[in-house]
Amino acid sequence: MDLELQSMLTCPDCGFEHEETMPTNACLWYWPCPDCGIVHRPKPGDCCVFCSYGTVACPPVQMWGKDACCGDTISNGAGEST
């Protein structure tokens, strides 16, 4: 199965659209809108910003389905979970 790694993220606050390349080795939990600057997190029940605001689901979901996504633990980037 070929993964689609390009996804168009849409800011839910200002509507700005920005194409991003999804990482294959990590999930993206925070996305600062390049236009308005608001930092977005995944919606409840979604594992990453691509699953919440993107046109294409993240690589784990593409490969194995929604249950295979990054999980409920969100790293704050400092080695701690929230």
Protein backbone atom coordinates (compact mmCIF):
# COMPACT_ATOMS: atom_id res chain seq x y z
CA MET A 1 0.00 0.00 0.00
CA ASP A 2 1.35 3.40 -0.98
CA LEU A 3 1.00 6.07 1.69
CA GLU A 4 -0.18 9.53 0.79
CA LEU A 5 2.08 11.89 2.72
CA GLN A 6 0.74 15.26 1.55
CA SER A 7 -2.27 16.66 3.40
CA MET A 8 -3.96 20.05 3.20
CA LEU A 9 -4.54 21.33 6.74
CA THR A 10 -7.34 23.86 7.18
CA CYS A 11 -7.34 26.22 10.16
CA PRO A 12 -10.72 25.93 11.91
CA ASP A 13 -10.42 29.54 13.12
CA CYS A 14 -9.47 31.54 10.02
CA GLY A 15 -9.98 29.01 7.20
CA PHE A 16 -6.39 29.27 5.93
CA GLU A 17 -5.28 26.17 4.02
CA HIS A 18 -1.68 24.97 4.06
CA GLU A 19 -0.19 21.82 2.52
CA GLU A 20 2.03 19.84 4.88
CA THR A 21 4.09 16.69 4.48
CA MET A 22 3.20 14.15 7.15
CA PRO A 23 6.04 12.52 9.05
CA THR A 24 6.15 8.73 8.89
CA ASN A 25 7.99 8.28 12.20
CA ALA A 26 6.01 10.60 14.50
CA CYS A 27 2.59 12.17 14.97
CA LEU A 28 2.00 15.89 14.79
CA TRP A 29 0.01 16.96 17.85
CA TYR A 30 0.38 20.72 17.49
CA TRP A 31 -0.07 22.81 14.36
CA PRO A 32 0.41 26.58 14.43
CA CYS A 33 -1.61 28.16 11.63
CA PRO A 34 0.82 30.05 9.39
CA ASP A 35 -1.80 32.78 8.86
CA CYS A 36 -3.44 33.56 12.22
CA GLY A 37 -0.84 31.91 14.49
CA ILE A 38 -3.33 29.96 16.61
CA VAL A 39 -1.88 26.61 17.71
CA HIS A 40 -4.28 23.72 17.17
CA ARG A 41 -4.40 20.33 18.85
CA PRO A 42 -6.31 17.25 17.69
CA LYS A 43 -10.07 17.16 18.20
CA PRO A 44 -11.31 14.76 20.91
CA GLY A 45 -11.12 11.22 19.55
CA ASP A 46 -8.51 12.08 16.92
CA CYS A 47 -4.86 11.25 17.39
CA CYS A 48 -3.19 14.06 15.48
CA VAL A 49 -3.85 17.32 13.64
CA PHE A 50 -3.88 15.54 10.27
CA CYS A 51 -6.78 13.35 11.39
CA SER A 52 -8.62 16.44 12.69
CA TYR A 53 -7.91 19.17 10.15
CA GLY A 54 -6.30 17.48 7.15
CA THR A 55 -7.57 16.17 3.85
CA VAL A 56 -5.63 12.92 4.37
CA ALA A 57 -5.41 10.85 7.57
CA CYS A 58 -2.01 10.21 9.16
CA PRO A 59 0.14 7.27 7.95
CA PRO A 60 -0.79 4.85 10.80
CA VAL A 61 -4.51 5.36 10.12
CA GLN A 62 -3.98 4.94 6.39
CA MET A 63 -2.17 1.66 6.99
CA TRP A 64 -4.08 0.05 9.84
CA GLY A 65 -7.26 2.03 10.50
CA LYS A 66 -8.32 4.52 13.17
CA ASP A 67 -7.44 2.24 16.11
CA ALA A 68 -3.80 2.16 14.96
CA CYS A 69 -3.28 5.88 15.37
CA CYS A 70 -0.89 7.50 17.81
CA GLY A 71 -2.92 6.84 20.95
CA ASP A 72 -4.45 8.88 23.72
CA THR A 73 -1.20 10.09 25.26
CA ILE A 74 0.01 13.39 23.90
CA SER A 75 3.63 14.38 24.35
CA ASN A 76 4.29 18.01 25.22
CA GLY A 77 7.72 17.79 23.60
CA ALA A 78 9.54 17.82 26.94
CA GLY A 79 9.38 14.08 27.58
CA GLU A 80 6.20 14.46 29.62
CA SER A 81 2.72 13.32 28.73
CA THR A 82 -0.45 15.33 29.13
